[in-house]
Amino acid sequence: MIDFRSDTVTHPSPEMRAFMANARVGDDVFGDDPTVNALEMRVAKLLGLESAMLVPSGTQSNLIALLTHCGRGDEYIVGQDYHTYKYEAGGAASLGSIQPQPLAVSGDGTLDLDMVKKTIKPNDFHFAKTRLLALENTHSGKIISNDYLNQASRLARDNGLYFHLDGARVFNAAVAQNISVKEITSQFDSVSVCCSKGLGAPIGSLLCGSESFINTARRWRKMVGGGMRQAGILAAAIDFALSHNIERLKDDHDNARYLAELLSTVPSIRVESPHTNMLYIELENAEVGAELQQALATRGILISSGRRVRLVTHLDIDMAAIERFVAEVKTIL
């Protein structure tokens, strides 16, 4: 099976599974798991922040960050199409009574900082208190430049806002720019990193920030059911991924460009140039997208449906898989 739907579909390698099986473990809720403790220290240092906390998912990591930064009746400014607003089931509003203030996302994945500034509420009891600015990097596979992040950081500091990054694929952004990940993350108050996407771990995200922030975040993790026991088995998979799968993200980016090159020869498909490991194509209409999805599935290839389709390269997609996919698409269309 060839699966282009997401980079979340990767399978742990035999070497990763063996590394997991040999992990030293303890009760992480008690702080006794040595593999988790070592991983949290490693990731915090890697991101240029003081502390880190292992959680089951990126959704929970972002939720805990919002709950830690904001109280009931507070507000966070966020992109209309960012995951922390659109794709995480409204957790901040439903569970934390935190008001989202969504803004339109520009074509490059950023928010208009002039609009962000105008959106910050005055200190008036008629309004929610604006507490946090939340960004996403990468967004739909697009890299947010460090120049923009520096400007956004200054705006947040000047207006007394916390600054959070949904960095689910921040390692893709770092590798694509040939910079260290801490050059992106160290300016944020909190960063969420997902390890079950391009890095190839089967489960797990880490929330990073200051020591006091993470201490408070641990209480929220307990409250939302994210405390795990012998989690070293999961931490070992992430540790393996950090040692073996960061630099190879460049292969995913190269494969996405190769896929774009081949698909650009198909007259009925419009191809958007990829920044990292995500490629978007536009078909004639949604019906064609649905028919293409169904026909490919019978040939052992999975894609999403719709007129505009996202194709994601990852460690289980190689050049041979890409060539087979394009050949099947040409045949079907």
Protein backbone atom coordinates (compact mmCIF):
# COMPACT_ATOMS: atom_id res chain seq x y z
CA MET A 1 0.00 0.00 0.00
CA ILE A 2 1.26 3.47 -0.98
CA ASP A 3 -0.25 6.15 1.23
CA PHE A 4 -0.01 9.84 0.30
CA ARG A 5 -2.71 11.06 2.71
CA SER A 6 -0.35 12.24 5.45
CA ASP A 7 3.06 11.75 7.05
CA THR A 8 1.21 10.40 10.11
CA VAL A 9 0.80 7.03 8.40
CA THR A 10 4.44 5.92 8.69
CA HIS A 11 5.27 2.59 10.32
CA PRO A 12 8.10 2.20 12.87
CA SER A 13 11.10 0.44 11.39
CA PRO A 14 12.38 -2.88 12.82
CA GLU A 15 15.33 -0.96 14.29
CA MET A 16 13.00 1.50 16.01
CA ARG A 17 10.88 -1.36 17.38
CA ALA A 18 13.98 -3.06 18.79
CA PHE A 19 15.07 0.21 20.41
CA MET A 20 11.62 0.53 22.00
CA ALA A 21 11.70 -3.03 23.28
CA ASN A 22 14.97 -2.42 25.10
CA ALA A 23 13.98 0.89 26.70
CA ARG A 24 14.43 1.38 30.43
CA VAL A 25 11.09 2.39 31.94
CA GLY A 26 9.45 3.63 35.12
CA ASP A 27 6.27 5.44 36.16
CA ASP A 28 6.38 8.75 34.34
CA VAL A 29 3.58 10.33 36.40
CA PHE A 30 5.88 9.89 39.40
CA GLY A 31 8.76 11.23 37.30
CA ASP A 32 10.47 7.83 37.50
CA ASP A 33 10.87 6.93 33.83
CA PRO A 34 14.54 7.48 32.93
CA THR A 35 13.97 7.27 29.18
CA VAL A 36 11.22 9.91 29.29
CA ASN A 37 13.30 12.17 31.53
CA ALA A 38 16.29 11.93 29.19
CA LEU A 39 14.13 12.60 26.13
CA GLU A 40 12.53 15.68 27.69
CA MET A 41 15.95 17.11 28.53
CA ARG A 42 17.22 16.34 25.03
CA VAL A 43 14.29 18.01 23.27
CA ALA A 44 14.33 21.10 25.49
CA LYS A 45 18.03 21.59 24.72
CA LEU A 46 17.46 20.92 21.03
CA LEU A 47 14.78 23.64 20.89
CA GLY A 48 16.69 26.14 23.01
CA LEU A 49 14.14 26.13 25.83
CA GLU A 50 14.39 25.23 29.51
CA SER A 51 12.06 22.29 29.89
CA ALA A 52 9.84 19.83 28.04
CA MET A 53 6.98 17.42 28.71
CA LEU A 54 5.97 14.30 26.79
CA VAL A 55 2.27 14.02 25.87
CA PRO A 56 0.35 11.56 23.69
CA SER A 57 -0.61 13.90 20.84
CA GLY A 58 -0.06 17.27 19.22
CA THR A 59 -3.68 18.20 19.85
CA GLN A 60 -3.23 17.66 23.57
CA SER A 61 0.10 19.50 23.53
CA ASN A 62 -1.46 22.60 21.95
CA LEU A 63 -4.48 22.39 24.27
CA ILE A 64 -2.28 22.23 27.37
CA ALA A 65 -0.26 25.21 26.12
CA LEU A 66 -3.41 27.28 25.71
CA LEU A 67 -4.77 26.20 29.11
CA THR A 68 -1.46 27.09 30.75
CA HIS A 69 -1.10 30.51 29.13
CA CYS A 70 -4.76 31.58 29.27
CA GLY A 71 -7.57 31.58 31.83
CA ARG A 72 -11.36 31.61 31.51
CA GLY A 73 -12.46 34.61 29.49
CA ASP A 74 -9.00 35.20 28.03
CA GLU A 75 -8.38 35.29 24.29
CA TYR A 76 -5.77 33.96 21.89
CA ILE A 77 -5.11 35.31 18.39
CA VAL A 78 -4.72 32.54 15.83
CA GLY A 79 -4.95 31.84 12.10
CA GLN A 80 -8.34 30.91 10.70
CA ASP A 81 -6.80 27.80 9.12
CA TYR A 82 -4.29 26.93 11.85
CA HIS A 83 -4.69 23.61 13.62
CA THR A 84 -5.03 25.17 17.08
CA TYR A 85 -8.25 26.82 15.88
CA LYS A 86 -9.71 24.77 13.05
CA TYR A 87 -8.65 21.15 13.44
CA GLU A 88 -8.51 20.47 17.18
CA ALA A 89 -12.22 20.21 17.98
CA GLY A 90 -12.50 23.60 19.68
CA GLY A 91 -10.80 22.27 22.81
CA ALA A 92 -9.58 25.64 24.13
CA ALA A 93 -13.07 27.14 23.95
CA SER A 94 -14.94 24.02 25.09
CA LEU A 95 -12.63 22.90 27.90
CA GLY A 96 -10.85 26.11 28.87
CA SER A 97 -13.45 28.81 28.14
CA ILE A 98 -10.72 30.54 26.14
CA GLN A 99 -11.98 32.74 23.32
CA PRO A 100 -10.25 32.27 19.96
CA GLN A 101 -9.80 35.34 17.77
CA PRO A 102 -9.16 33.86 14.32
CA LEU A 103 -7.61 35.96 11.55
CA ALA A 104 -7.26 35.23 7.84
CA VAL A 105 -4.08 33.36 6.92
CA SER A 106 -2.04 34.87 4.09
CA GLY A 107 -0.94 32.79 1.12
CA ASP A 108 2.49 32.30 2.67
CA GLY A 109 1.04 30.90 5.89
CA THR A 110 1.52 34.05 7.99
CA LEU A 111 -0.85 36.44 9.74
CA ASP A 112 -0.90 40.14 8.84
CA LEU A 113 0.91 41.63 11.84
CA ASP A 114 -0.81 45.01 11.42
CA MET A 115 -4.12 43.18 11.72
CA VAL A 116 -2.82 41.24 14.73
CA LYS A 117 -1.93 44.51 16.44
CA LYS A 118 -5.35 46.03 15.67
CA THR A 119 -7.05 42.90 17.02
CA ILE A 120 -5.44 43.07 20.47
CA LYS A 121 -8.20 44.14 22.84
CA PRO A 122 -7.86 47.24 25.04
CA ASN A 123 -7.80 46.86 28.82
CA ASP A 124 -11.55 47.25 29.20
CA PHE A 125 -13.97 44.96 31.06
CA HIS A 126 -16.20 44.83 27.96
CA PHE A 127 -13.61 42.70 26.18
CA ALA A 128 -11.88 39.39 26.62
CA LYS A 129 -8.24 39.76 27.70
CA THR A 130 -5.89 39.14 24.80
CA ARG A 131 -3.18 36.88 26.25
CA LEU A 132 -1.55 34.90 23.47
CA LEU A 133 -0.46 34.94 19.84
CA ALA A 134 -0.33 31.45 18.31
CA LEU A 135 1.47 30.69 15.04
CA GLU A 136 2.09 27.53 13.00
CA ASN A 137 5.31 26.50 11.23
CA THR A 138 5.16 24.83 8.79
CA HIS A 139 1.61 25.74 7.71
CA SER A 140 0.24 23.52 4.92
CA GLY A 141 3.85 22.64 4.20
CA LYS A 142 4.87 26.30 3.84
CA ILE A 143 7.84 27.65 5.78
CA ILE A 144 7.35 30.75 7.92
CA SER A 145 10.55 32.79 7.60
CA ASN A 146 12.61 33.70 10.64
CA ASP A 147 12.40 37.38 9.65
CA TYR A 148 8.64 37.19 10.05
CA LEU A 149 8.92 35.24 13.32
CA ASN A 150 11.27 37.89 14.72
CA GLN A 151 8.75 40.62 13.87
CA ALA A 152 5.89 38.61 15.40
CA SER A 153 7.95 37.97 18.53
CA ARG A 154 8.63 41.69 18.99
CA LEU A 155 4.94 42.48 18.50
CA ALA A 156 3.97 39.91 21.14
CA ARG A 157 6.56 41.18 23.64
CA ASP A 158 5.68 44.84 23.07
CA ASN A 159 2.01 44.10 23.75
CA GLY A 160 2.44 41.77 26.72
CA LEU A 161 1.34 38.63 24.87
CA TYR A 162 2.61 35.09 25.28
CA PHE A 163 3.96 33.59 22.07
CA HIS A 164 3.14 29.96 21.14
CA LEU A 165 4.25 27.87 18.17
CA ASP A 166 2.41 24.88 16.85
CA GLY A 167 5.60 23.35 15.50
CA ALA A 168 4.16 19.98 14.52
CA ARG A 169 6.49 19.99 11.50
CA VAL A 170 9.05 22.53 12.69
CA PHE A 171 11.91 20.11 11.93
CA ASN A 172 10.81 20.19 8.29
CA ALA A 173 11.08 23.99 8.39
CA ALA A 174 14.56 23.82 9.91
CA VAL A 175 15.89 21.21 7.48
CA ALA A 176 14.46 23.04 4.47
CA GLN A 177 16.24 26.25 5.54
CA ASN A 178 19.43 24.44 6.54
CA ILE A 179 19.33 25.94 10.04
CA SER A 180 19.14 24.48 13.53
CA VAL A 181 15.64 24.07 14.90
CA LYS A 182 16.48 26.26 17.93
CA GLU A 183 16.97 29.21 15.56
CA ILE A 184 13.22 28.96 14.98
CA THR A 185 11.94 27.88 18.38
CA SER A 186 14.04 29.65 21.01
CA GLN A 187 12.12 32.93 20.68
CA PHE A 188 8.77 31.37 21.66
CA ASP A 189 7.33 31.04 25.17
CA SER A 190 6.05 27.59 24.27
CA VAL A 191 6.47 25.17 21.38
CA SER A 192 4.59 21.99 20.51
CA VAL A 193 6.53 19.43 18.46
CA CYS A 194 4.84 16.36 16.97
CA CYS A 195 7.04 13.29 16.56
CA SER A 196 4.54 10.99 14.83
CA LYS A 197 4.64 12.85 11.52
CA GLY A 198 7.79 13.17 9.37
CA LEU A 199 10.03 11.97 12.18
CA GLY A 200 8.31 8.59 12.01
CA ALA A 201 7.61 7.77 15.66
CA PRO A 202 4.33 5.88 16.23
CA ILE A 203 2.97 8.27 18.88
CA GLY A 204 3.92 11.29 20.94
CA SER A 205 4.49 15.04 21.04
CA LEU A 206 6.49 17.27 23.33
CA LEU A 207 5.47 20.61 24.78
CA CYS A 208 8.45 22.86 25.56
CA GLY A 209 8.84 26.10 27.46
CA SER A 210 10.27 27.57 30.64
CA GLU A 211 10.61 25.41 33.73
CA SER A 212 7.76 27.23 35.50
CA PHE A 213 5.54 26.92 32.42
CA ILE A 214 6.10 23.16 32.17
CA ASN A 215 5.53 22.71 35.91
CA THR A 216 2.08 24.27 35.50
CA ALA A 217 1.50 22.37 32.26
CA ARG A 218 1.99 19.05 34.09
CA ARG A 219 -1.08 19.76 36.20
CA TRP A 220 -3.12 20.41 33.05
CA ARG A 221 -1.73 17.23 31.47
CA LYS A 222 -3.01 15.26 34.44
CA MET A 223 -6.39 16.97 34.25
CA VAL A 224 -6.94 16.18 30.57
CA GLY A 225 -5.81 12.58 30.97
CA GLY A 226 -2.37 12.80 29.41
CA GLY A 227 -0.35 11.30 32.25
CA MET A 228 1.25 8.01 31.17
CA ARG A 229 3.02 5.33 33.17
CA GLN A 230 5.81 3.26 31.54
CA ALA A 231 6.03 5.77 28.70
CA GLY A 232 9.71 5.12 28.12
CA ILE A 233 8.71 2.67 25.39
CA LEU A 234 7.20 5.59 23.48
CA ALA A 235 10.00 7.97 24.43
CA ALA A 236 12.54 5.51 23.04
CA ALA A 237 10.83 5.60 19.64
CA ILE A 238 11.05 9.40 19.62
CA ASP A 239 14.66 9.28 20.78
CA PHE A 240 15.46 6.92 17.90
CA ALA A 241 13.64 9.22 15.46
CA LEU A 242 15.61 12.25 16.63
CA SER A 243 18.87 10.38 16.08
CA HIS A 244 18.03 8.92 12.68
CA ASN A 245 15.18 10.76 10.96
CA ILE A 246 15.80 14.51 11.13
CA GLU A 247 18.32 14.95 8.33
CA ARG A 248 16.47 12.47 6.14
CA LEU A 249 13.51 14.89 6.02
CA LYS A 250 15.39 16.42 3.11
CA ASP A 251 14.63 13.22 1.18
CA ASP A 252 10.92 13.86 1.70
CA HIS A 253 11.29 17.42 0.43
CA ASP A 254 13.24 16.23 -2.62
CA ASN A 255 10.62 13.55 -3.30
CA ALA A 256 7.82 16.13 -3.09
CA ARG A 257 9.60 18.22 -5.73
CA TYR A 258 10.10 15.12 -7.89
CA LEU A 259 6.41 14.31 -7.55
CA ALA A 260 5.51 17.86 -8.58
CA GLU A 261 7.79 17.62 -11.60
CA LEU A 262 6.17 14.40 -12.81
CA LEU A 263 2.59 15.54 -12.16
CA SER A 264 3.19 18.82 -13.98
CA THR A 265 3.27 16.79 -17.22
CA VAL A 266 -0.39 15.76 -16.72
CA PRO A 267 -2.50 18.36 -18.60
CA SER A 268 -5.61 18.09 -16.40
CA ILE A 269 -3.77 18.69 -13.11
CA ARG A 270 -2.59 22.05 -11.77
CA VAL A 271 0.40 21.62 -9.47
CA GLU A 272 1.45 23.98 -6.65
CA SER A 273 5.19 24.05 -5.98
CA PRO A 274 5.99 22.40 -2.62
CA HIS A 275 8.06 24.09 0.09
CA THR A 276 8.67 20.94 2.13
CA ASN A 277 6.97 17.53 2.05
CA MET A 278 3.45 18.66 1.09
CA LEU A 279 2.27 19.02 -2.47
CA TYR A 280 -1.14 20.37 -3.46
CA ILE A 281 -2.76 19.56 -6.78
CA GLU A 282 -5.97 20.92 -8.26
CA LEU A 283 -8.24 18.76 -10.40
CA GLU A 284 -11.08 19.72 -12.71
CA ASN A 285 -13.70 19.34 -9.97
CA ALA A 286 -14.47 17.47 -6.75
CA GLU A 287 -16.18 14.63 -8.63
CA VAL A 288 -12.98 13.90 -10.54
CA GLY A 289 -11.12 13.93 -7.21
CA ALA A 290 -13.53 11.40 -5.70
CA GLU A 291 -13.32 9.12 -8.74
CA LEU A 292 -9.52 9.34 -8.77
CA GLN A 293 -9.37 8.48 -5.07
CA GLN A 294 -11.59 5.42 -5.55
CA ALA A 295 -9.75 4.18 -8.63
CA LEU A 296 -6.34 4.54 -6.98
CA ALA A 297 -7.54 2.68 -3.88
CA THR A 298 -8.30 -0.37 -6.03
CA ARG A 299 -4.66 -0.20 -7.15
CA GLY A 300 -3.27 -0.04 -3.62
CA ILE A 301 -2.70 3.73 -3.49
CA LEU A 302 -4.37 6.02 -0.95
CA ILE A 303 -4.99 9.75 -1.42
CA SER A 304 -7.48 12.26 -0.02
CA SER A 305 -10.53 13.29 -2.01
CA GLY A 306 -11.66 16.68 -3.33
CA ARG A 307 -10.89 19.15 -6.07
CA ARG A 308 -7.76 20.37 -4.26
CA VAL A 309 -5.83 17.36 -2.99
CA ARG A 310 -2.90 17.29 -0.56
CA LEU A 311 -0.17 14.73 -1.26
CA VAL A 312 2.38 14.16 1.50
CA THR A 313 5.75 12.46 1.13
CA HIS A 314 7.32 10.62 4.06
CA LEU A 315 9.81 7.90 4.96
CA ASP A 316 7.58 5.15 3.54
CA ILE A 317 7.38 6.88 0.12
CA ASP A 318 10.34 6.45 -2.24
CA MET A 319 10.95 7.47 -5.87
CA ALA A 320 9.65 4.15 -7.18
CA ALA A 321 6.35 4.67 -5.33
CA ILE A 322 6.09 8.17 -6.79
CA GLU A 323 6.69 6.93 -10.33
CA ARG A 324 4.10 4.18 -9.92
CA PHE A 325 1.57 6.66 -8.53
CA VAL A 326 2.01 9.11 -11.40
CA ALA A 327 1.74 6.32 -13.97
CA GLU A 328 -1.54 5.15 -12.40
CA VAL A 329 -2.89 8.71 -12.29
CA LYS A 330 -2.17 9.18 -16.00
CA THR A 331 -3.88 5.89 -16.81
CA ILE A 332 -6.98 6.71 -14.75
CA LEU A 333 -7.39 10.28 -15.95
